[in-house]
């Protein structure tokens, strides 16, 4: 039996309490140490510390202090210290069990609040677009804004918490394109700045915006007016394409396959790199790019020629079975797609560095216009270009898919044919020519 306790009081510590040896060897039962501290023994392996107390108007209560044996066991001295701390709470009118519950609840709330504050750049960009889309001119403008953030900023900072993004991260986004496509880079900088400002307003980051221009990035980068803009993407001449494709197929790596896919489909870099298996119907030989990933903000169906299907079948073993919407061309981390720079580096390693990835769309356009009889509107539709004014577009509801399939099959046949071999013949001599 336990001696009765006065309300709001705990037993004072007795001079003769438990010993370390007793704690280790005591048989099943409950043993008091004084001051409300007890050792509960259920078996040789199951020993626990308890603190017993009463509060005014309440029944006797027990608070567990931890194990007295096994992993994480608390020694006698430690148990006495814990009991002393709880006894002081009781003496000041605080119920230890209620205090513990309140402390744990506060910790959970703080952890939840901290987790809510951890937002990645991609998440904040999505929220920013949703919050502002009603104020933009049209769906095309929104699609372009989303595309630049996704394709240029995403590979570098998309998965970073916005609270951790610094100037070095922003420079990693801008530096690769600042001198090559300065207009796009300038717009991108402003969009990154807007997303980070949006994050700051919501309390997801603090401090100055690392993407701000005046007094910050203008000290690290030349202004757009001082950068020689590239008027056109340098394109490989169409008559050199077959030789290039043959060399490209001799290279291993995901970047080489992504580049080949982009060329044979005449797709933009971002559209090709963002392709997901769920968008591709191998049976129907169609790749449907959702409007969210198109520059014009309109869904685009791409007919897949046999060579493209063969390329995709070669990548099927790498598809994530647990996620049917996984990326066709994943980056090294697996979560994000390859960057445009990965394909550009492939061109450099092949000694084709003076040409751009986007330039292959010009190669396709030049080939179609100069060597085929396919109508201009079919070629432009294959490039996902809008033809004519708004009135003409309103009446042209179809996407010329059947005609585009024939065009893309011709493009594949030309691109993948074996390059011609020129044989030098021996110089002809007059004596070798028969005279009739």
Protein backbone atom coordinates (compact mmCIF):
# COMPACT_ATOMS: atom_id res chain seq x y z
CA UNK A 1 0.00 0.00 0.00
CA UNK A 2 1.09 3.55 -0.65
CA UNK A 3 0.89 6.18 2.06
CA UNK A 4 -1.80 8.81 1.45
CA UNK A 5 -0.71 12.14 0.00
CA UNK A 6 -2.09 15.54 0.84
CA UNK A 7 -3.75 17.36 -2.05
CA UNK A 8 -1.24 19.29 -4.08
CA UNK A 9 1.69 17.67 -2.32
CA UNK A 10 4.17 14.92 -3.08
CA UNK A 11 6.05 12.73 -0.68
CA UNK A 12 9.31 14.23 0.55
CA UNK A 13 12.40 12.24 -0.31
CA UNK A 14 13.34 9.70 2.37
CA UNK A 15 16.91 9.43 3.49
CA UNK A 16 16.91 5.72 2.77
CA UNK A 17 15.62 5.18 -0.78
CA UNK A 18 16.48 2.93 -3.68
CA UNK A 19 20.01 1.95 -4.66
CA UNK A 20 21.46 1.24 -8.10
CA UNK A 21 21.82 -2.42 -7.14
CA UNK A 22 18.18 -2.58 -6.05
CA UNK A 23 17.10 -1.04 -9.36
CA UNK A 24 18.96 -3.79 -11.26
CA UNK A 25 17.89 -6.77 -9.11
CA UNK A 26 14.44 -5.95 -7.72
CA UNK A 27 11.78 -8.58 -8.37
CA UNK A 28 8.41 -7.72 -9.95
CA UNK A 29 6.62 -5.13 -7.88
CA UNK A 30 6.58 -1.40 -7.11
CA UNK A 31 9.28 0.24 -5.00
CA UNK A 32 9.30 3.78 -3.59
CA UNK A 33 12.33 6.04 -3.51
CA UNK A 34 10.62 8.96 -1.79
CA UNK A 35 9.44 12.28 -3.16
CA UNK A 36 6.86 10.56 -5.37
CA UNK A 37 9.44 8.55 -7.38
CA UNK A 38 8.74 4.82 -7.83
CA UNK A 39 10.37 1.92 -9.62
CA UNK A 40 7.85 -0.38 -11.36
CA UNK A 41 9.22 -3.85 -12.11
CA UNK A 42 7.18 -6.10 -14.38
CA UNK A 43 9.96 -8.51 -15.29
CA UNK A 44 13.74 -8.65 -15.31
CA UNK A 45 13.74 -6.83 -18.67
CA UNK A 46 10.78 -4.48 -18.06
CA UNK A 47 11.57 -1.85 -15.42
CA UNK A 48 10.09 1.64 -15.45
CA UNK A 49 10.19 4.90 -13.50
CA UNK A 50 6.96 6.51 -12.25
CA UNK A 51 6.19 9.79 -10.56
CA UNK A 52 3.06 9.81 -8.32
CA UNK A 53 1.34 13.03 -7.28
CA UNK A 54 -2.02 14.63 -6.54
CA UNK A 55 -3.48 18.00 -7.48
CA UNK A 56 -6.21 19.87 -5.54
CA UNK A 57 -9.56 18.29 -6.21
CA UNK A 58 -8.12 15.49 -8.33
CA UNK A 59 -7.29 11.83 -7.85
CA UNK A 60 -3.83 10.40 -7.54
CA UNK A 61 -2.01 10.53 -10.88
CA UNK A 62 1.08 8.84 -12.28
CA UNK A 63 3.51 10.21 -14.87
CA UNK A 64 5.94 7.89 -16.62
CA UNK A 65 9.57 9.03 -16.56
CA UNK A 66 11.11 6.41 -18.84
CA UNK A 67 12.71 2.98 -18.74
CA UNK A 68 14.94 1.79 -15.91
CA UNK A 69 16.39 -1.06 -18.01
CA UNK A 70 17.14 -1.84 -21.64
CA UNK A 71 17.85 0.64 -24.50
CA UNK A 72 17.67 4.27 -23.41
CA UNK A 73 17.44 3.34 -19.74
CA UNK A 74 17.53 6.18 -17.20
CA UNK A 75 19.80 5.71 -14.17
CA UNK A 76 18.58 6.29 -10.63
CA UNK A 77 20.20 9.75 -10.43
CA UNK A 78 18.53 10.80 -13.66
CA UNK A 79 15.15 9.54 -12.50
CA UNK A 80 15.50 11.50 -9.25
CA UNK A 81 16.32 14.65 -11.21
CA UNK A 82 13.24 14.23 -13.40
CA UNK A 83 11.09 13.62 -10.33
CA UNK A 84 12.46 16.76 -8.68
CA UNK A 85 11.52 18.83 -11.74
CA UNK A 86 7.96 17.49 -11.74
CA UNK A 87 7.68 17.96 -7.98
CA UNK A 88 8.51 21.66 -8.40
CA UNK A 89 5.69 21.94 -10.95
CA UNK A 90 3.25 20.39 -8.49
CA UNK A 91 4.36 22.71 -5.72
CA UNK A 92 3.62 25.71 -7.98
CA UNK A 93 0.15 24.38 -8.88
CA UNK A 94 1.01 22.99 -12.34
CA UNK A 95 -0.17 19.48 -13.23
CA UNK A 96 2.87 17.66 -14.78
CA UNK A 97 0.75 15.52 -17.14
CA UNK A 98 -1.23 18.53 -18.41
CA UNK A 99 2.00 20.48 -18.76
CA UNK A 100 3.52 17.65 -20.78
CA UNK A 101 0.52 17.50 -23.11
CA UNK A 102 0.61 21.25 -23.67
CA UNK A 103 4.36 21.19 -24.37
CA UNK A 104 4.04 18.33 -26.88
CA UNK A 105 1.09 20.03 -28.60
CA UNK A 106 3.06 23.27 -28.89
CA UNK A 107 6.00 21.36 -30.39
CA UNK A 108 3.74 19.72 -32.96
CA UNK A 109 2.17 23.06 -33.87
CA UNK A 110 5.59 24.67 -34.25
CA UNK A 111 6.77 21.79 -36.46
CA UNK A 112 3.66 22.04 -38.61
CA UNK A 113 4.12 25.78 -38.98
CA UNK A 114 7.76 25.29 -39.93
CA UNK A 115 6.78 22.67 -42.51
CA UNK A 116 4.17 25.02 -43.96
CA UNK A 117 6.86 27.67 -44.38
CA UNK A 118 9.13 25.31 -46.36
CA UNK A 119 7.98 25.91 -49.93
CA UNK A 120 10.05 25.04 -52.98
CA UNK A 121 10.48 27.45 -55.86
CA UNK A 122 8.36 25.26 -58.15
CA UNK A 123 5.52 25.23 -55.59
CA UNK A 124 5.61 28.99 -55.11
CA UNK A 125 5.80 29.58 -58.88
CA UNK A 126 2.65 27.49 -59.33
CA UNK A 127 0.84 29.43 -56.57
CA UNK A 128 1.99 32.73 -58.05
CA UNK A 129 0.65 31.79 -61.50
CA UNK A 130 -2.69 30.70 -60.06
CA UNK A 131 -3.02 33.93 -58.07
CA UNK A 132 -2.31 36.20 -61.05
CA UNK A 133 -3.62 34.35 -64.11
CA UNK A 134 -6.89 36.31 -64.24
CA UNK A 135 -4.96 39.54 -64.71
CA UNK A 136 -2.90 38.46 -67.71
CA UNK A 137 -3.79 39.27 -71.29
CA UNK A 138 -4.37 35.76 -72.55
CA UNK A 139 -3.60 32.08 -72.10
CA UNK A 140 -0.56 32.40 -74.37
CA UNK A 141 1.07 34.94 -72.04
CA UNK A 142 0.48 32.69 -69.04
CA UNK A 143 1.84 29.66 -70.88
CA UNK A 144 4.98 31.55 -71.89
CA UNK A 145 5.55 32.75 -68.34
CA UNK A 146 5.09 29.26 -66.93
CA UNK A 147 7.30 27.74 -69.60
CA UNK A 148 10.27 30.05 -68.94
CA UNK A 149 10.10 29.44 -65.19
CA UNK A 150 9.80 25.69 -65.67
CA UNK A 151 12.39 25.19 -68.40
CA UNK A 152 15.07 27.69 -67.40
CA UNK A 153 14.67 28.19 -63.63
CA UNK A 154 13.24 24.78 -62.69
CA UNK A 155 16.34 22.64 -63.38
CA UNK A 156 18.49 24.92 -61.20
CA UNK A 157 16.25 26.08 -58.31
CA UNK A 158 12.89 24.32 -58.78
CA UNK A 159 13.36 21.92 -55.86
CA UNK A 160 15.11 24.40 -53.56
CA UNK A 161 13.17 25.92 -50.65
CA UNK A 162 12.54 29.56 -51.51
CA UNK A 163 13.99 30.53 -48.12
CA UNK A 164 17.39 29.16 -49.19
CA UNK A 165 17.66 30.78 -52.65
CA UNK A 166 20.57 33.21 -52.82
CA UNK A 167 22.30 35.31 -55.48
CA UNK A 168 24.52 32.42 -56.57
CA UNK A 169 21.43 30.32 -57.36
CA UNK A 170 19.86 33.11 -59.43
CA UNK A 171 23.12 33.59 -61.31
CA UNK A 172 23.18 29.85 -62.11
CA UNK A 173 19.79 30.34 -63.76
CA UNK A 174 20.66 33.47 -65.72
CA UNK A 175 24.33 33.16 -66.66
CA UNK A 176 23.94 30.33 -69.26
CA UNK A 177 21.44 32.36 -71.35
CA UNK A 178 22.25 35.99 -70.56
CA UNK A 179 24.50 36.47 -73.60
CA UNK A 180 22.78 34.06 -76.01
CA UNK A 181 19.10 34.93 -75.54
CA UNK A 182 19.22 38.21 -73.59
CA UNK A 183 15.57 39.12 -74.10
CA UNK A 184 14.36 35.81 -72.66
CA UNK A 185 16.94 36.03 -69.86
CA UNK A 186 15.78 39.53 -68.91
CA UNK A 187 12.16 38.45 -68.76
CA UNK A 188 13.13 35.37 -66.78
CA UNK A 189 14.96 37.46 -64.20
CA UNK A 190 11.88 39.60 -63.64
CA UNK A 191 9.70 36.53 -63.29
CA UNK A 192 12.03 34.91 -60.75
CA UNK A 193 12.04 38.19 -58.82
CA UNK A 194 8.23 38.25 -58.82
CA UNK A 195 7.98 34.68 -57.53
CA UNK A 196 10.45 35.38 -54.72
CA UNK A 197 8.59 38.59 -53.80
CA UNK A 198 5.39 36.55 -53.65
CA UNK A 199 7.13 34.11 -51.30
CA UNK A 200 8.34 36.94 -49.06
CA UNK A 201 4.85 38.44 -48.74
CA UNK A 202 3.56 35.07 -47.54
CA UNK A 203 6.36 34.68 -45.00
CA UNK A 204 8.09 31.82 -46.80
CA UNK A 205 11.37 33.71 -47.11
CA UNK A 206 13.00 36.77 -45.58
CA UNK A 207 15.62 39.27 -46.62
CA UNK A 208 16.37 41.12 -49.83
CA UNK A 209 15.31 39.58 -53.14
CA UNK A 210 18.41 38.01 -54.78
CA UNK A 211 16.87 38.42 -58.24
CA UNK A 212 16.45 42.21 -58.01
CA UNK A 213 18.22 44.14 -60.74
CA UNK A 214 18.92 47.68 -59.58
CA UNK A 215 21.80 47.88 -57.14
CA UNK A 216 22.36 44.14 -57.20
CA UNK A 217 22.41 41.99 -60.36
CA UNK A 218 23.23 45.04 -62.45
CA UNK A 219 26.65 44.88 -60.76
CA UNK A 220 27.15 41.29 -61.92
CA UNK A 221 25.60 41.22 -65.40
CA UNK A 222 25.66 43.67 -68.33
CA UNK A 223 22.35 45.29 -69.22
CA UNK A 224 20.41 43.85 -72.12
CA UNK A 225 21.16 46.92 -74.25
CA UNK A 226 24.88 46.17 -73.97
CA UNK A 227 24.56 42.52 -74.91
CA UNK A 228 24.74 41.67 -78.59
CA UNK A 229 21.47 39.90 -79.14
CA UNK A 230 21.52 36.78 -81.26
CA UNK A 231 19.13 37.59 -84.08
CA UNK A 232 18.56 34.00 -85.16
CA UNK A 233 19.37 30.60 -83.70
CA UNK A 234 22.30 29.23 -85.67
CA UNK A 235 20.94 26.27 -87.61
CA UNK A 236 22.65 23.26 -89.13
CA UNK A 237 22.23 23.31 -92.95
CA UNK A 238 19.57 20.80 -93.90
CA UNK A 239 21.83 18.96 -96.37
CA UNK A 240 24.22 18.10 -93.47
CA UNK A 241 21.50 16.67 -91.23
CA UNK A 242 21.70 12.98 -92.22
CA UNK A 243 25.43 12.90 -91.46
CA UNK A 244 24.81 14.63 -88.13
CA UNK A 245 22.05 12.18 -87.10
CA UNK A 246 24.32 9.24 -87.89
CA UNK A 247 27.01 10.69 -85.58
CA UNK A 248 24.45 11.51 -82.91
CA UNK A 249 23.19 7.93 -82.86
CA UNK A 250 26.74 6.81 -82.18
CA UNK A 251 26.71 8.65 -78.84
CA UNK A 252 25.41 7.23 -75.58
CA UNK A 253 23.56 9.17 -72.95
CA UNK A 254 20.12 10.60 -72.24
CA UNK A 255 21.02 14.03 -73.65
CA UNK A 256 21.84 12.52 -77.07
CA UNK A 257 18.50 10.68 -77.14
CA UNK A 258 16.60 13.78 -76.08
CA UNK A 259 18.28 15.81 -78.82
CA UNK A 260 17.45 13.17 -81.45
CA UNK A 261 13.84 13.10 -80.23
CA UNK A 262 13.58 16.90 -80.43
CA UNK A 263 15.00 16.95 -83.96
CA UNK A 264 12.82 14.17 -85.36
CA UNK A 265 9.65 15.69 -83.85
CA UNK A 266 10.62 19.31 -84.68
CA UNK A 267 9.68 20.15 -81.09
CA UNK A 268 10.95 22.98 -78.94
CA UNK A 269 13.60 22.05 -76.40
CA UNK A 270 11.32 22.57 -73.41
CA UNK A 271 8.51 20.53 -74.94
CA UNK A 272 10.84 17.61 -75.66
CA UNK A 273 12.64 17.68 -72.31
CA UNK A 274 9.35 17.88 -70.41
CA UNK A 275 7.79 14.92 -72.24
CA UNK A 276 6.16 12.33 -69.98
CA UNK A 277 5.26 8.76 -70.75
CA UNK A 278 1.60 9.47 -69.99
CA UNK A 279 1.56 11.89 -72.95
CA UNK A 280 2.72 9.25 -75.43
CA UNK A 281 0.45 6.70 -77.09
CA UNK A 282 2.81 4.15 -78.62
CA UNK A 283 -0.02 2.24 -80.29
CA UNK A 284 -1.46 5.27 -82.04
CA UNK A 285 2.03 6.75 -82.58
CA UNK A 286 0.98 10.11 -81.10
CA UNK A 287 2.58 12.39 -78.55
CA UNK A 288 0.05 14.83 -77.05
CA UNK A 289 1.70 17.83 -75.44
CA UNK A 290 -0.69 19.48 -72.95
CA UNK A 291 -1.46 23.15 -73.38
CA UNK A 292 0.29 24.00 -70.11
CA UNK A 293 3.63 23.09 -71.70
CA UNK A 294 3.08 24.77 -75.06
CA UNK A 295 4.27 28.27 -75.89
CA UNK A 296 0.90 29.15 -77.42
CA UNK A 297 -1.06 27.65 -74.54
CA UNK A 298 -2.81 25.19 -76.87
CA UNK A 299 -2.64 21.38 -76.85
CA UNK A 300 -0.42 20.02 -79.61
CA UNK A 301 -0.52 16.53 -81.12
CA UNK A 302 2.73 15.30 -82.63
CA UNK A 303 2.69 12.31 -85.03
CA UNK A 304 5.51 9.91 -84.19
CA UNK A 305 7.39 8.40 -87.11
CA UNK A 306 8.82 4.85 -86.85
CA UNK A 307 12.32 6.04 -85.94
CA UNK A 308 10.94 8.03 -82.99
CA UNK A 309 8.94 5.03 -81.80
CA UNK A 310 12.08 2.91 -81.98
CA UNK A 311 13.94 5.51 -79.91
CA UNK A 312 11.19 5.49 -77.29
CA UNK A 313 11.08 1.70 -77.13
CA UNK A 314 14.78 1.80 -76.32
CA UNK A 315 14.00 4.01 -73.33
CA UNK A 316 11.06 1.96 -72.03
CA UNK A 317 13.22 -0.10 -69.62
CA UNK A 318 14.11 3.16 -67.83
CA UNK A 319 10.48 4.17 -67.32
CA UNK A 320 9.37 4.33 -63.67
CA UNK A 321 6.83 1.54 -63.31
CA UNK A 322 5.48 3.06 -60.09
CA UNK A 323 4.79 6.35 -61.87
CA UNK A 324 3.31 6.07 -65.39
CA UNK A 325 3.64 9.85 -65.79
CA UNK A 326 7.41 9.80 -65.21
CA UNK A 327 9.68 11.87 -67.45
CA UNK A 328 10.86 10.34 -70.71
CA UNK A 329 14.19 12.14 -70.38
CA UNK A 330 14.94 12.40 -66.64
CA UNK A 331 18.00 14.20 -65.32
CA UNK A 332 20.61 12.61 -63.10
CA UNK A 333 18.53 13.11 -59.96
CA UNK A 334 15.48 11.47 -61.55
CA UNK A 335 13.02 14.09 -60.27
CA UNK A 336 13.69 16.82 -62.83
CA UNK A 337 14.14 16.65 -66.57
CA UNK A 338 17.41 17.27 -68.35
CA UNK A 339 18.35 20.89 -68.87
CA UNK A 340 18.69 22.54 -72.27
CA UNK A 341 22.39 22.92 -71.48
CA UNK A 342 22.76 19.11 -71.44
CA UNK A 343 21.79 18.98 -75.12
CA UNK A 344 23.93 22.01 -75.91
CA UNK A 345 26.91 20.28 -74.31
CA UNK A 346 26.27 17.25 -76.51
CA UNK A 347 26.57 19.50 -79.57
CA UNK A 348 29.84 20.93 -78.26
CA UNK A 349 31.32 17.50 -77.63
CA UNK A 350 30.43 16.56 -81.20
CA UNK A 351 32.20 19.71 -82.50
CA UNK A 352 28.85 21.22 -83.52
CA UNK A 353 28.95 23.84 -80.78
CA UNK A 354 28.33 26.75 -83.15
CA UNK A 355 24.80 25.45 -83.77
CA UNK A 356 21.95 25.74 -81.28
CA UNK A 357 19.40 23.13 -80.25
CA UNK A 358 16.53 25.41 -81.20
CA UNK A 359 18.16 25.94 -84.59
CA UNK A 360 17.16 22.44 -85.70
CA UNK A 361 13.60 23.73 -86.02
CA UNK A 362 14.95 26.14 -88.64
CA UNK A 363 16.74 23.22 -90.29
CA UNK A 364 13.38 21.44 -90.51
CA UNK A 365 11.67 24.55 -91.87
CA UNK A 366 14.35 25.12 -94.52
CA UNK A 367 14.27 21.48 -95.62
CA UNK A 368 10.47 21.42 -95.87
CA UNK A 369 10.31 24.69 -97.79
CA UNK A 370 13.17 24.03 -100.19
CA UNK A 371 12.89 20.33 -100.95
CA UNK A 372 9.27 19.23 -100.45
CA UNK A 373 5.85 20.09 -101.78
CA UNK A 374 4.16 20.08 -98.38
CA UNK A 375 1.93 23.17 -97.97
CA UNK A 376 3.23 26.00 -95.84
CA UNK A 377 0.35 25.76 -93.35
CA UNK A 378 1.15 22.07 -92.75
CA UNK A 379 4.81 22.85 -92.07
CA UNK A 380 3.91 25.71 -89.73
CA UNK A 381 1.42 23.50 -87.91
CA UNK A 382 4.16 20.90 -87.41
CA UNK A 383 6.19 23.65 -85.71
CA UNK A 384 3.14 24.57 -83.56
CA UNK A 385 3.06 28.05 -85.10
CA UNK A 386 -0.13 30.08 -85.31
CA UNK A 387 -1.04 30.91 -88.93
CA UNK A 388 -2.88 34.04 -90.01
CA UNK A 389 -4.86 36.50 -87.95
CA UNK A 390 -7.46 35.84 -85.27
CA UNK A 391 -10.30 35.55 -87.78
CA UNK A 392 -8.46 32.96 -89.87
CA UNK A 393 -7.47 31.06 -86.72
CA UNK A 394 -11.08 31.06 -85.53
CA UNK A 395 -12.18 29.23 -88.68
CA UNK A 396 -9.17 26.90 -88.91
CA UNK A 397 -10.27 24.52 -86.15
CA UNK A 398 -8.37 21.42 -87.36
CA UNK A 399 -4.72 20.62 -86.71
CA UNK A 400 -3.94 19.04 -90.12
CA UNK A 401 -2.80 15.93 -88.28
CA UNK A 402 -3.05 13.46 -91.16
CA UNK A 403 -1.07 15.72 -93.47
CA UNK A 404 1.45 16.40 -90.74
CA UNK A 405 2.00 12.66 -90.25
CA UNK A 406 3.06 12.34 -93.90
CA UNK A 407 5.33 15.37 -93.47
CA UNK A 408 7.02 13.92 -90.38
CA UNK A 409 7.50 10.54 -92.06
CA UNK A 410 9.24 12.33 -94.96
CA UNK A 411 11.37 14.26 -92.43
CA UNK A 412 12.37 11.02 -90.73
CA UNK A 413 13.21 9.34 -94.04
CA UNK A 414 15.45 12.24 -95.01
CA UNK A 415 17.06 12.70 -91.58
CA UNK A 416 17.92 9.07 -91.03
CA UNK A 417 19.02 8.04 -94.51
CA UNK A 418 22.62 6.96 -94.93
CA UNK A 419 24.78 9.86 -96.11
CA UNK A 420 25.81 9.66 -99.73
CA UNK A 421 29.34 8.43 -100.42
CA UNK A 422 31.24 10.25 -103.13
CA UNK A 423 33.69 8.02 -104.98
CA UNK A 424 36.56 9.62 -106.89
CA UNK A 425 36.92 8.10 -110.35
CA UNK A 426 40.31 7.80 -112.06
CA UNK A 427 41.13 10.60 -114.46
CA UNK A 428 39.89 9.78 -117.96
CA UNK A 429 42.44 9.62 -120.74
CA UNK A 430 41.65 10.15 -124.42
CA UNK A 431 43.22 6.81 -125.32
CA UNK A 432 40.66 5.04 -123.13
CA UNK A 433 37.71 6.52 -124.99
CA UNK A 434 36.40 4.55 -127.95
CA UNK A 435 35.92 6.59 -131.10
CA UNK A 436 32.71 5.81 -132.92
